[in-house]
C-alpha atoms as a PDB file:
ATOM      1  CA  MET A   1     111.422  26.882  53.262  1.00  0.00           C
ATOM      2  CA  LYS A   2     112.576  30.417  53.997  1.00  0.00           C
ATOM      3  CA  ASN A   3     112.263  33.126  51.384  1.00  0.00           C
ATOM      4  CA  ARG A   4     115.045  35.387  50.202  1.00  0.00           C
ATOM      5  CA  VAL A   5     114.464  38.794  51.800  1.00  0.00           C
ATOM      6  CA  TYR A   6     116.366  42.062  51.719  1.00  0.00           C
ATOM      7  CA  LEU A   7     117.139  44.701  54.316  1.00  0.00           C
ATOM      8  CA  THR A   8     117.568  48.108  52.699  1.00  0.00           C
ATOM      9  CA  LEU A   9     119.090  50.823  54.869  1.00  0.00           C
ATOM     10  CA  SER A  10     118.308  54.504  54.480  1.00  0.00           C
ATOM     11  CA  ASP A  11     121.730  55.027  52.875  1.00  0.00           C
ATOM     12  CA  GLY A  12     120.696  52.693  50.028  1.00  0.00           C
ATOM     13  CA  SER A  13     122.839  49.682  51.011  1.00  0.00           C
ATOM     14  CA  VAL A  14     121.180  46.282  50.660  1.00  0.00           C
ATOM     15  CA  TRP A  15     121.688  43.254  52.915  1.00  0.00           C
ATOM     16  CA  PRO A  16     120.248  39.865  51.825  1.00  0.00           C
ATOM     17  CA  GLY A  17     118.978  37.248  54.258  1.00  0.00           C
ATOM     18  CA  ARG A  18     116.319  34.560  54.628  1.00  0.00           C
ATOM     19  CA  GLY A  19     113.024  34.525  56.489  1.00  0.00           C
ATOM     20  CA  HIS A  20     109.245  34.850  56.271  1.00  0.00           C
ATOM     21  CA  ILE A  21     107.477  38.212  56.120  1.00  0.00           C
ATOM     22  CA  GLU A  22     103.756  38.866  55.788  1.00  0.00           C
ATOM     23  CA  ALA A  23     104.299  42.478  54.721  1.00  0.00           C
ATOM     24  CA  PRO A  24     107.229  44.913  54.462  1.00  0.00           C
ATOM     25  CA  VAL A  25     108.686  45.924  57.843  1.00  0.00           C
ATOM     26  CA  GLU A  26     110.289  49.264  58.645  1.00  0.00           C
ATOM     27  CA  GLY A  27     112.159  50.392  61.747  1.00  0.00           C
ATOM     28  CA  GLU A  28     115.358  51.822  63.146  1.00  0.00           C
ATOM     29  CA  VAL A  29     118.153  49.254  62.764  1.00  0.00           C
ATOM     30  CA  VAL A  30     120.126  48.772  65.991  1.00  0.00           C
ATOM     31  CA  PHE A  31     122.246  46.018  67.528  1.00  0.00           C
ATOM     32  CA  THR A  32     122.724  44.367  70.914  1.00  0.00           C
ATOM     33  CA  THR A  33     125.838  42.579  72.164  1.00  0.00           C
ATOM     34  CA  ALA A  34     124.048  40.540  74.871  1.00  0.00           C
ATOM     35  CA  SER A  35     124.885  36.840  74.701  1.00  0.00           C
ATOM     36  CA  CYS A  36     121.709  35.691  76.428  1.00  0.00           C
ATOM     37  CA  GLY A  37     118.232  36.915  77.275  1.00  0.00           C
ATOM     38  CA  TYR A  38     117.010  37.196  73.696  1.00  0.00           C
ATOM     39  CA  PRO A  39     113.337  36.521  74.675  1.00  0.00           C
ATOM     40  CA  GLN A  40     113.574  39.429  77.124  1.00  0.00           C
ATOM     41  CA  THR A  41     115.129  41.673  74.468  1.00  0.00           C
ATOM     42  CA  LEU A  42     112.426  40.814  71.943  1.00  0.00           C
ATOM     43  CA  THR A  43     109.629  41.628  74.416  1.00  0.00           C
ATOM     44  CA  ASP A  44     111.206  44.757  75.920  1.00  0.00           C
ATOM     45  CA  PRO A  45     108.830  47.690  75.150  1.00  0.00           C
ATOM     46  CA  SER A  46     111.873  49.962  74.804  1.00  0.00           C
ATOM     47  CA  TYR A  47     112.579  48.211  71.484  1.00  0.00           C
ATOM     48  CA  ASN A  48     109.255  49.348  70.008  1.00  0.00           C
ATOM     49  CA  GLY A  49     109.929  50.662  66.499  1.00  0.00           C
ATOM     50  CA  GLN A  50     113.295  48.974  66.129  1.00  0.00           C
ATOM     51  CA  ILE A  51     114.802  46.200  64.004  1.00  0.00           C
ATOM     52  CA  VAL A  52     117.311  44.460  66.276  1.00  0.00           C
ATOM     53  CA  ILE A  53     120.514  42.743  65.167  1.00  0.00           C
ATOM     54  CA  PHE A  54     121.874  40.106  67.547  1.00  0.00           C
ATOM     55  CA  ALA A  55     125.665  40.226  67.596  1.00  0.00           C
ATOM     56  CA  PHE A  56     126.027  36.935  69.461  1.00  0.00           C
ATOM     57  CA  PRO A  57     125.779  33.861  67.155  1.00  0.00           C
ATOM     58  CA  PRO A  58     123.754  31.085  68.897  1.00  0.00           C
ATOM     59  CA  ILE A  59     120.497  32.981  69.402  1.00  0.00           C
ATOM     60  CA  GLY A  60     117.526  30.667  69.936  1.00  0.00           C
ATOM     61  CA  ILE A  61     119.569  27.893  71.498  1.00  0.00           C
ATOM     62  CA  TYR A  62     117.386  27.507  74.605  1.00  0.00           C
ATOM     63  CA  GLY A  63     113.976  28.314  73.106  1.00  0.00           C
ATOM     64  CA  VAL A  64     111.578  30.754  74.783  1.00  0.00           C
ATOM     65  CA  ASP A  65     110.753  30.740  78.491  1.00  0.00           C
ATOM     66  CA  LYS A  66     107.392  32.535  78.492  1.00  0.00           C
ATOM     67  CA  GLU A  67     107.328  32.924  82.273  1.00  0.00           C
ATOM     68  CA  ASN A  68     110.103  35.533  82.314  1.00  0.00           C
ATOM     69  CA  LEU A  69     109.327  37.861  79.417  1.00  0.00           C
ATOM     70  CA  GLU A  70     109.602  41.656  79.683  1.00  0.00           C
ATOM     71  CA  GLY A  71     106.345  42.506  77.930  1.00  0.00           C
ATOM     72  CA  ARG A  72     103.006  41.007  76.983  1.00  0.00           C
ATOM     73  CA  ARG A  73     104.024  40.668  73.340  1.00  0.00           C
ATOM     74  CA  VAL A  74     107.026  40.923  71.028  1.00  0.00           C
ATOM     75  CA  TRP A  75     107.774  44.629  70.568  1.00  0.00           C
ATOM     76  CA  VAL A  76     110.721  44.570  68.171  1.00  0.00           C
ATOM     77  CA  ARG A  77     109.595  44.983  64.578  1.00  0.00           C
ATOM     78  CA  ALA A  78     112.029  42.320  63.376  1.00  0.00           C
ATOM     79  CA  ALA A  79     115.096  40.403  64.560  1.00  0.00           C
ATOM     80  CA  LEU A  80     118.246  39.746  62.506  1.00  0.00           C
ATOM     81  CA  MET A  81     120.884  37.091  63.186  1.00  0.00           C
ATOM     82  CA  THR A  82     123.716  35.357  61.409  1.00  0.00           C
ATOM     83  CA  GLY A  83     122.153  31.910  61.874  1.00  0.00           C
ATOM     84  CA  LEU A  84     119.512  30.214  63.965  1.00  0.00           C
ATOM     85  CA  ASP A  85     120.578  27.643  66.530  1.00  0.00           C
ATOM     86  CA  GLU A  86     117.594  26.569  68.610  1.00  0.00           C
ATOM     87  CA  THR A  87     116.363  23.686  70.697  1.00  0.00           C
ATOM     88  CA  GLU A  88     113.940  21.208  69.151  1.00  0.00           C
ATOM     89  CA  GLU A  89     112.986  19.505  72.413  1.00  0.00           C
ATOM     90  CA  GLY A  90     112.267  20.473  75.987  1.00  0.00           C
ATOM     91  CA  ARG A  91     109.606  22.512  77.783  1.00  0.00           C
ATOM     92  CA  PHE A  92     110.330  25.809  76.038  1.00  0.00           C
ATOM     93  CA  GLU A  93     108.784  26.787  72.717  1.00  0.00           C
ATOM     94  CA  SER A  94     111.151  27.311  69.780  1.00  0.00           C
ATOM     95  CA  LEU A  95     112.099  30.853  68.881  1.00  0.00           C
ATOM     96  CA  THR A  96     111.022  30.416  65.261  1.00  0.00           C
ATOM     97  CA  SER A  97     107.461  29.300  66.043  1.00  0.00           C
ATOM     98  CA  TRP A  98     107.076  31.885  68.816  1.00  0.00           C
ATOM     99  CA  MET A  99     108.110  34.774  66.563  1.00  0.00           C
ATOM    100  CA  ALA A 100     105.756  33.488  63.867  1.00  0.00           C
ATOM    101  CA  GLU A 101     102.882  33.439  66.389  1.00  0.00           C
ATOM    102  CA  ASN A 102     103.637  37.076  67.208  1.00  0.00           C
ATOM    103  CA  GLY A 103     103.758  38.071  63.539  1.00  0.00           C
ATOM    104  CA  ARG A 104     107.307  39.385  63.774  1.00  0.00           C
ATOM    105  CA  PRO A 105     109.943  38.471  61.144  1.00  0.00           C
ATOM    106  CA  LEU A 106     112.971  36.468  62.242  1.00  0.00           C
ATOM    107  CA  ILE A 107     115.665  36.919  59.595  1.00  0.00           C
ATOM    108  CA  SER A 108     118.706  34.649  59.489  1.00  0.00           C
ATOM    109  CA  ASP A 109     121.650  34.052  57.161  1.00  0.00           C
ATOM    110  CA  ILE A 110     122.443  37.759  57.077  1.00  0.00           C
ATOM    111  CA  ASP A 111     125.948  39.181  57.459  1.00  0.00           C
ATOM    112  CA  THR A 112     125.469  40.607  60.940  1.00  0.00           C
ATOM    113  CA  ARG A 113     129.185  41.235  61.455  1.00  0.00           C
ATOM    114  CA  GLN A 114     129.553  43.647  58.566  1.00  0.00           C
ATOM    115  CA  LEU A 115     126.137  45.157  59.229  1.00  0.00           C
ATOM    116  CA  ILE A 116     127.066  45.947  62.837  1.00  0.00           C
ATOM    117  CA  LEU A 117     130.431  47.358  61.766  1.00  0.00           C
ATOM    118  CA  LYS A 118     128.591  49.646  59.341  1.00  0.00           C
ATOM    119  CA  ILE A 119     126.258  50.912  62.076  1.00  0.00           C
ATOM    120  CA  ARG A 120     129.229  51.493  64.381  1.00  0.00           C
ATOM    121  CA  GLU A 121     130.828  53.590  61.648  1.00  0.00           C
ATOM    122  CA  CYS A 122     127.788  55.409  60.248  1.00  0.00           C
ATOM    123  CA  GLY A 123     125.333  55.333  63.172  1.00  0.00           C
ATOM    124  CA  SER A 124     121.899  53.765  63.507  1.00  0.00           C
ATOM    125  CA  MET A 125     119.597  54.340  60.569  1.00  0.00           C
ATOM    126  CA  MET A 126     116.163  53.429  59.305  1.00  0.00           C
ATOM    127  CA  GLY A 127     115.724  50.186  57.390  1.00  0.00           C
ATOM    128  CA  ARG A 128     113.098  48.215  55.508  1.00  0.00           C
ATOM    129  CA  ILE A 129     112.765  44.439  55.142  1.00  0.00           C
ATOM    130  CA  ASP A 130     111.009  43.324  51.970  1.00  0.00           C
ATOM    131  CA  LEU A 131     111.066  40.621  49.300  1.00  0.00           C
ATOM    132  CA  GLU A 132     112.885  43.039  47.002  1.00  0.00           C
ATOM    133  CA  PRO A 133     115.415  45.806  47.684  1.00  0.00           C
ATOM    134  CA  HIS A 134     113.643  49.042  48.551  1.00  0.00           C
ATOM    135  CA  VAL A 135     114.223  52.445  47.004  1.00  0.00           C
ATOM    136  CA  PRO A 136     115.525  54.801  49.759  1.00  0.00           C
ATOM    137  CA  GLY A 137     113.114  57.291  51.268  1.00  0.00           C
ATOM    138  CA  LEU A 138     112.228  55.796  54.641  1.00  0.00           C
ATOM    139  CA  GLU A 139     110.276  57.801  57.196  1.00  0.00           C
ATOM    140  CA  GLU A 140     111.595  58.403  60.702  1.00  0.00           C
ATOM    141  CA  LEU A 141     109.932  56.789  63.713  1.00  0.00           C
ATOM    142  CA  PRO A 142     106.693  58.435  64.920  1.00  0.00           C
ATOM    143  CA  ASP A 143     106.317  60.332  68.195  1.00  0.00           C
ATOM    144  CA  THR A 144     103.738  57.808  69.483  1.00  0.00           C
ATOM    145  CA  LEU A 145     106.104  55.010  70.586  1.00  0.00           C
ATOM    146  CA  VAL A 146     105.512  55.552  74.329  1.00  0.00           C
ATOM    147  CA  SER A 147     101.720  55.785  73.993  1.00  0.00           C
ATOM    148  CA  GLU A 148     101.758  52.504  72.046  1.00  0.00           C
ATOM    149  CA  VAL A 149     103.477  50.559  74.844  1.00  0.00           C
ATOM    150  CA  SER A 150     102.038  52.201  77.971  1.00  0.00           C
ATOM    151  CA  CYS A 151      99.110  50.652  79.848  1.00  0.00           C
ATOM    152  CA  ARG A 152      95.685  52.144  79.099  1.00  0.00           C
ATOM    153  CA  GLU A 153      94.381  52.226  82.670  1.00  0.00           C
ATOM    154  CA  MET A 154      95.710  51.962  86.191  1.00  0.00           C
ATOM    155  CA  GLU A 155      96.828  48.480  87.305  1.00  0.00           C
ATOM    156  CA  THR A 156      97.866  47.216  90.749  1.00  0.00           C
ATOM    157  CA  TYR A 157     100.328  44.459  91.681  1.00  0.00           C
ATOM    158  CA  GLY A 158     101.454  42.866  94.933  1.00  0.00           C
ATOM    159  CA  GLY A 159     101.001  44.143  98.460  1.00  0.00           C
ATOM    160  CA  GLY A 160     103.044  45.338 101.400  1.00  0.00           C
ATOM    161  CA  GLU A 161     103.818  48.238 103.694  1.00  0.00           C
ATOM    162  CA  LEU A 162     105.215  50.397 100.865  1.00  0.00           C
ATOM    163  CA  THR A 163     103.377  51.585  97.767  1.00  0.00           C
ATOM    164  CA  VAL A 164     105.222  52.528  94.581  1.00  0.00           C
ATOM    165  CA  ALA A 165     103.624  54.737  91.921  1.00  0.00           C
ATOM    166  CA  LEU A 166     105.057  53.392  88.663  1.00  0.00           C
ATOM    167  CA  MET A 167     104.864  55.731  85.668  1.00  0.00           C
ATOM    168  CA  ASP A 168     104.561  53.391  82.696  1.00  0.00           C
ATOM    169  CA  TYR A 169     106.462  54.748  79.699  1.00  0.00           C
ATOM    170  CA  GLY A 170     107.071  51.168  78.509  1.00  0.00           C
ATOM    171  CA  VAL A 171     108.036  49.411  81.716  1.00  0.00           C
ATOM    172  CA  LYS A 172     109.869  46.077  81.697  1.00  0.00           C
ATOM    173  CA  GLU A 173     107.969  43.437  83.649  1.00  0.00           C
ATOM    174  CA  ASN A 174     111.034  42.572  85.717  1.00  0.00           C
ATOM    175  CA  ILE A 175     110.937  46.039  87.272  1.00  0.00           C
ATOM    176  CA  ILE A 176     107.439  45.264  88.535  1.00  0.00           C
ATOM    177  CA  ARG A 177     108.492  41.766  89.625  1.00  0.00           C
ATOM    178  CA  GLY A 178     111.480  43.233  91.458  1.00  0.00           C
ATOM    179  CA  MET A 179     109.380  45.726  93.403  1.00  0.00           C
ATOM    180  CA  VAL A 180     106.759  43.115  94.322  1.00  0.00           C
ATOM    181  CA  ARG A 181     109.488  40.684  95.362  1.00  0.00           C
ATOM    182  CA  ARG A 182     110.820  43.377  97.707  1.00  0.00           C
ATOM    183  CA  GLY A 183     107.434  43.575  99.427  1.00  0.00           C
ATOM    184  CA  CYS A 184     105.922  46.568  97.627  1.00  0.00           C
ATOM    185  CA  ARG A 185     102.468  47.286  96.304  1.00  0.00           C
ATOM    186  CA  VAL A 186     102.888  48.688  92.799  1.00  0.00           C
ATOM    187  CA  ILE A 187     100.347  51.017  91.172  1.00  0.00           C
ATOM    188  CA  ARG A 188     101.026  51.225  87.434  1.00  0.00           C
ATOM    189  CA  PHE A 189      99.878  54.501  85.882  1.00  0.00           C
ATOM    190  CA  PRO A 190      99.484  55.276  82.140  1.00  0.00           C
ATOM    191  CA  HIS A 191     102.115  57.630  80.738  1.00  0.00           C
ATOM    192  CA  ASN A 192      99.628  60.516  80.405  1.00  0.00           C
ATOM    193  CA  THR A 193      98.445  60.509  84.029  1.00  0.00           C
ATOM    194  CA  ARG A 194      98.403  63.877  85.770  1.00  0.00           C
ATOM    195  CA  ALA A 195     100.793  64.422  88.676  1.00  0.00           C
ATOM    196  CA  SER A 196      97.868  65.286  90.969  1.00  0.00           C
ATOM    197  CA  GLU A 197      96.318  61.838  90.435  1.00  0.00           C
ATOM    198  CA  VAL A 198      99.623  60.080  91.078  1.00  0.00           C
ATOM    199  CA  LEU A 199     100.277  62.028  94.288  1.00  0.00           C
ATOM    200  CA  SER A 200      96.737  61.458  95.582  1.00  0.00           C
ATOM    201  CA  SER A 201      97.226  57.672  95.327  1.00  0.00           C
ATOM    202  CA  GLY A 202      99.069  57.630  98.652  1.00  0.00           C
ATOM    203  CA  ALA A 203     102.244  56.213  97.120  1.00  0.00           C
ATOM    204  CA  ASP A 204     105.399  56.240  99.219  1.00  0.00           C
ATOM    205  CA  GLY A 205     107.678  56.633  96.197  1.00  0.00           C
ATOM    206  CA  ILE A 206     107.587  57.316  92.463  1.00  0.00           C
ATOM    207  CA  LEU A 207     109.329  55.173  89.860  1.00  0.00           C
ATOM    208  CA  LEU A 208     109.803  56.521  86.321  1.00  0.00           C
ATOM    209  CA  SER A 209     110.109  53.565  83.955  1.00  0.00           C
ATOM    210  CA  ASN A 210     112.097  52.809  80.857  1.00  0.00           C
ATOM    211  CA  GLY A 211     110.515  53.196  77.428  1.00  0.00           C
ATOM    212  CA  PRO A 212     111.135  53.715  73.715  1.00  0.00           C
ATOM    213  CA  GLY A 213     111.874  56.668  71.507  1.00  0.00           C
ATOM    214  CA  ASP A 214     113.060  60.258  71.721  1.00  0.00           C
ATOM    215  CA  PRO A 215     112.592  61.910  75.152  1.00  0.00           C
ATOM    216  CA  SER A 216     112.585  65.384  73.595  1.00  0.00           C
ATOM    217  CA  VAL A 217     109.039  64.834  72.253  1.00  0.00           C
ATOM    218  CA  LEU A 218     107.616  63.938  75.701  1.00  0.00           C
ATOM    219  CA  ASP A 219     106.833  67.449  76.934  1.00  0.00           C
ATOM    220  CA  PHE A 220     103.702  66.424  78.851  1.00  0.00           C
ATOM    221  CA  GLU A 221     105.473  63.638  80.724  1.00  0.00           C
ATOM    222  CA  ALA A 222     108.422  65.881  81.637  1.00  0.00           C
ATOM    223  CA  GLY A 223     106.045  68.583  82.871  1.00  0.00           C
ATOM    224  CA  GLU A 224     104.176  66.206  85.166  1.00  0.00           C
ATOM    225  CA  ILE A 225     107.451  64.891  86.612  1.00  0.00           C
ATOM    226  CA  ALA A 226     108.441  68.487  87.404  1.00  0.00           C
ATOM    227  CA  ALA A 227     105.174  68.810  89.330  1.00  0.00           C
ATOM    228  CA  MET A 228     105.915  65.624  91.313  1.00  0.00           C
ATOM    229  CA  LEU A 229     109.471  66.477  92.353  1.00  0.00           C
ATOM    230  CA  PRO A 230     108.677  68.805  95.314  1.00  0.00           C
ATOM    231  CA  CYS A 231     106.224  66.304  96.887  1.00  0.00           C
ATOM    232  CA  GLY A 232     108.782  64.982  99.378  1.00  0.00           C
ATOM    233  CA  ARG A 233     108.541  61.383  98.237  1.00  0.00           C
ATOM    234  CA  PRO A 234     111.588  59.529  96.886  1.00  0.00           C
ATOM    235  CA  LEU A 235     111.794  59.283  93.107  1.00  0.00           C
ATOM    236  CA  LEU A 236     113.755  56.773  91.017  1.00  0.00           C
ATOM    237  CA  GLY A 237     114.123  56.981  87.233  1.00  0.00           C
ATOM    238  CA  VAL A 238     115.270  54.120  84.992  1.00  0.00           C
ATOM    239  CA  CYS A 239     116.530  54.589  81.405  1.00  0.00           C
ATOM    240  CA  LEU A 240     113.922  56.836  79.733  1.00  0.00           C
ATOM    241  CA  GLY A 241     112.948  57.839  83.272  1.00  0.00           C
ATOM    242  CA  ASN A 242     116.488  59.179  83.705  1.00  0.00           C
ATOM    243  CA  GLN A 243     116.192  61.269  80.558  1.00  0.00           C
ATOM    244  CA  LEU A 244     112.750  62.578  81.537  1.00  0.00           C
ATOM    245  CA  LEU A 245     113.992  63.581  84.991  1.00  0.00           C
ATOM    246  CA  ALA A 246     116.713  65.587  83.252  1.00  0.00           C
ATOM    247  CA  ARG A 247     114.199  67.251  80.948  1.00  0.00           C
ATOM    248  CA  SER A 248     111.843  68.027  83.845  1.00  0.00           C
ATOM    249  CA  CYS A 249     114.657  70.024  85.467  1.00  0.00           C
ATOM    250  CA  GLY A 250     115.599  71.928  82.307  1.00  0.00           C
ATOM    251  CA  ALA A 251     118.412  69.787  80.889  1.00  0.00           C
ATOM    252  CA  LYS A 252     118.455  68.426  77.343  1.00  0.00           C
ATOM    253  CA  THR A 253     119.037  65.041  75.752  1.00  0.00           C
ATOM    254  CA  LYS A 254     120.940  63.972  72.649  1.00  0.00           C
ATOM    255  CA  LYS A 255     120.938  61.041  70.255  1.00  0.00           C
ATOM    256  CA  LEU A 256     123.943  58.723  70.422  1.00  0.00           C
ATOM    257  CA  PRO A 257     125.478  57.455  67.154  1.00  0.00           C
ATOM    258  CA  PHE A 258     124.505  53.817  67.743  1.00  0.00           C
ATOM    259  CA  GLY A 259     123.426  53.733  71.387  1.00  0.00           C
ATOM    260  CA  HIS A 260     124.252  51.300  74.159  1.00  0.00           C
ATOM    261  CA  ARG A 261     122.618  47.863  73.982  1.00  0.00           C
ATOM    262  CA  GLY A 262     123.950  44.813  75.758  1.00  0.00           C
ATOM    263  CA  ALA A 263     124.518  43.132  79.103  1.00  0.00           C
ATOM    264  CA  ASN A 264     128.159  44.150  79.457  1.00  0.00           C
ATOM    265  CA  GLN A 265     128.227  47.946  79.753  1.00  0.00           C
ATOM    266  CA  PRO A 266     130.756  49.325  82.311  1.00  0.00           C
ATOM    267  CA  VAL A 267     129.585  52.172  84.550  1.00  0.00           C
ATOM    268  CA  LEU A 268     131.300  54.264  87.246  1.00  0.00           C
ATOM    269  CA  GLU A 269     129.470  55.207  90.442  1.00  0.00           C
ATOM    270  CA  CYS A 270     130.870  58.714  90.897  1.00  0.00           C
ATOM    271  CA  SER A 271     130.425  58.999  94.675  1.00  0.00           C
ATOM    272  CA  THR A 272     132.385  55.824  95.481  1.00  0.00           C
ATOM    273  CA  GLY A 273     134.608  55.217  92.459  1.00  0.00           C
ATOM    274  CA  ARG A 274     133.064  51.763  92.175  1.00  0.00           C
ATOM    275  CA  GLY A 275     132.783  50.173  88.750  1.00  0.00           C
ATOM    276  CA  ILE A 276     129.749  48.025  87.894  1.00  0.00           C
ATOM    277  CA  LEU A 277     128.649  46.017  84.876  1.00  0.00           C
ATOM    278  CA  THR A 278     125.192  46.921  83.650  1.00  0.00           C
ATOM    279  CA  SER A 279     122.463  45.955  81.205  1.00  0.00           C
ATOM    280  CA  GLN A 280     121.563  48.789  78.815  1.00  0.00           C
ATOM    281  CA  ASN A 281     119.225  49.596  75.947  1.00  0.00           C
ATOM    282  CA  HIS A 282     119.064  53.224  74.866  1.00  0.00           C
ATOM    283  CA  GLN A 283     119.669  55.374  71.803  1.00  0.00           C
ATOM    284  CA  TYR A 284     119.423  58.715  73.631  1.00  0.00           C
ATOM    285  CA  ALA A 285     121.346  60.122  76.598  1.00  0.00           C
ATOM    286  CA  VAL A 286     121.338  63.161  78.859  1.00  0.00           C
ATOM    287  CA  ASP A 287     123.532  65.966  77.515  1.00  0.00           C
ATOM    288  CA  GLY A 288     125.929  66.618  80.380  1.00  0.00           C
ATOM    289  CA  ASP A 289     126.763  70.075  79.024  1.00  0.00           C
ATOM    290  CA  THR A 290     123.192  71.231  79.781  1.00  0.00           C
ATOM    291  CA  LEU A 291     123.084  70.318  83.491  1.00  0.00           C
ATOM    292  CA  ALA A 292     124.297  73.705  84.753  1.00  0.00           C
ATOM    293  CA  GLY A 293     121.541  75.480  86.693  1.00  0.00           C
ATOM    294  CA  THR A 294     119.292  72.394  86.900  1.00  0.00           C
ATOM    295  CA  ASP A 295     120.113  71.263  90.482  1.00  0.00           C
ATOM    296  CA  LEU A 296     121.154  67.927  88.956  1.00  0.00           C
ATOM    297  CA  GLU A 297     124.570  66.333  89.281  1.00  0.00           C
ATOM    298  CA  VAL A 298     126.058  63.321  87.528  1.00  0.00           C
ATOM    299  CA  ALA A 299     125.806  60.242  89.753  1.00  0.00           C
ATOM    300  CA  TYR A 300     126.993  57.630  87.242  1.00  0.00           C
ATOM    301  CA  SER A 301     129.033  57.813  84.040  1.00  0.00           C
ATOM    302  CA  HIS A 302     129.858  55.340  81.265  1.00  0.00           C
ATOM    303  CA  LEU A 303     133.420  54.044  81.453  1.00  0.00           C
ATOM    304  CA  GLY A 304     133.523  53.557  77.685  1.00  0.00           C
ATOM    305  CA  ASP A 305     132.476  56.921  76.246  1.00  0.00           C
ATOM    306  CA  GLY A 306     131.849  59.100  79.306  1.00  0.00           C
ATOM    307  CA  THR A 307     128.132  59.602  78.699  1.00  0.00           C
ATOM    308  CA  VAL A 308     125.838  60.407  81.630  1.00  0.00           C
ATOM    309  CA  GLU A 309     124.567  57.172  83.208  1.00  0.00           C
ATOM    310  CA  GLY A 310     122.689  58.575  86.170  1.00  0.00           C
ATOM    311  CA  LEU A 311     121.640  61.747  87.981  1.00  0.00           C
ATOM    312  CA  ARG A 312     121.061  62.944  91.528  1.00  0.00           C
ATOM    313  CA  HIS A 313     118.994  65.988  92.499  1.00  0.00           C
ATOM    314  CA  ARG A 314     120.678  68.330  94.963  1.00  0.00           C
ATOM    315  CA  ARG A 315     117.459  69.566  96.656  1.00  0.00           C
ATOM    316  CA  PHE A 316     114.905  66.789  96.202  1.00  0.00           C
ATOM    317  CA  ASP A 317     115.124  63.067  96.943  1.00  0.00           C
ATOM    318  CA  ALA A 318     115.445  62.067  93.285  1.00  0.00           C
ATOM    319  CA  LEU A 319     117.926  59.652  91.716  1.00  0.00           C
ATOM    320  CA  SER A 320     117.976  58.162  88.222  1.00  0.00           C
ATOM    321  CA  VAL A 321     120.026  55.690  86.214  1.00  0.00           C
ATOM    322  CA  GLN A 322     120.375  55.215  82.472  1.00  0.00           C
ATOM    323  CA  PHE A 323     121.030  51.482  82.820  1.00  0.00           C
ATOM    324  CA  HIS A 324     118.703  48.689  83.975  1.00  0.00           C
ATOM    325  CA  PRO A 325     119.066  47.560  87.630  1.00  0.00           C
ATOM    326  CA  GLU A 326     116.461  44.826  87.033  1.00  0.00           C
ATOM    327  CA  ALA A 327     119.102  43.130  84.817  1.00  0.00           C
ATOM    328  CA  SER A 328     116.966  41.038  82.508  1.00  0.00           C
ATOM    329  CA  PRO A 329     119.090  40.063  80.679  1.00  0.00           C
ATOM    330  CA  GLY A 330     122.331  41.036  82.335  1.00  0.00           C
ATOM    331  CA  PRO A 331     124.483  41.147  85.467  1.00  0.00           C
ATOM    332  CA  GLU A 332     123.040  41.946  88.887  1.00  0.00           C
ATOM    333  CA  ASP A 333     125.715  44.415  89.992  1.00  0.00           C
ATOM    334  CA  ALA A 334     123.223  47.295  90.053  1.00  0.00           C
ATOM    335  CA  SER A 335     120.326  45.597  91.870  1.00  0.00           C
ATOM    336  CA  TYR A 336     121.259  47.493  95.039  1.00  0.00           C
ATOM    337  CA  ILE A 337     119.725  50.606  93.459  1.00  0.00           C
ATOM    338  CA  PHE A 338     116.254  49.126  93.986  1.00  0.00           C
ATOM    339  CA  ASP A 339     117.206  48.148  97.551  1.00  0.00           C
ATOM    340  CA  ASN A 340     118.308  51.734  98.203  1.00  0.00           C
ATOM    341  CA  PHE A 341     115.003  52.982  96.782  1.00  0.00           C
ATOM    342  CA  ILE A 342     113.189  50.824  99.351  1.00  0.00           C
ATOM    343  CA  THR A 343     115.381  52.257 102.116  1.00  0.00           C
ATOM    344  CA  ARG A 344     114.685  55.816 100.950  1.00  0.00           C
ATOM    345  CA  MET A 345     110.916  55.193 100.922  1.00  0.00           C
ATOM    346  CA  ARG A 346     110.968  53.725 104.437  1.00  0.00           C
ATOM    347  CA  ALA A 347     112.969  56.687 105.724  1.00  0.00           C
ATOM    348  CA  ALA A 348     110.613  59.199 104.115  1.00  0.00           C
ATOM    349  CA  LYS A 349     107.565  57.362 105.451  1.00  0.00           C
ATOM    350  CA  GLY A 350     109.085  57.366 108.924  1.00  0.00           C
ATOM    351  CA  ARG A 351     109.433  61.143 108.824  1.00  0.00           C
END
């Protein structure tokens, strides 16, 4: 039988629910509007440090397909939902038992509608899940979120005529799968690898991955990207990689009130006027007002709030997107960005 538990937000409000917890859990409370792909959301390293609210009701309905996860473990600190509707039969493990195996609380019977409306009004905030309401005074997330999710040593995947140097700031596995499926050899580097080591690997292109946390604390990573830019090899940044490209060129980032999380985010491709639906998960964004003098121009923008959704460098072969072209979960409108990256690498190699 589930216990009565309480989510206390940093503003002192208390939200009751039911679930099992081994110890109190703290994290930044955020929400996603995706209607599917909950196993991928729960294992996405970009959610490290966060308590995720699922806006869509029937989460758990198809169990957990372990062959298509985005990480090697569950990274969210806890998951909140209005109810739990999950399969009892079939080849996939149930969400409840899987979360229990990973030691992550799965809280149901909580008023997600009002909780999400509060976050939309007040912005994301820290929260604590405990058996009793908690006295406010929660600490902010640490600066170590990227180092916690990055690989510890170099890893290699696949094979082919093109080699991609992947900077692992918390990469989603489907990015690696997508590159391998396109015939690439992928070398995965830890987040704190020096630019000289990356460039000496013989890679034909550089891919800056997604990841968790505040990009403004990643000075080392931004500095090494700045050293890689003039190398003449195509560069592609995804999500946090987009923000770090901006920082490496002198631009700044900002924290959004409640971020963009879901598989239904509309984006404009500025060069063509084309609109695409994208999968997104980010709390921070590039501050468009700081791009002057950086040699960066806006390549994509959000059709909802106008935030920067991608950048293009005017002098170097560097492009980045704030959304997720690997689309897991989500629509595949933006998958052509990876195809274009392959084309850019082949062209550069031919030169």
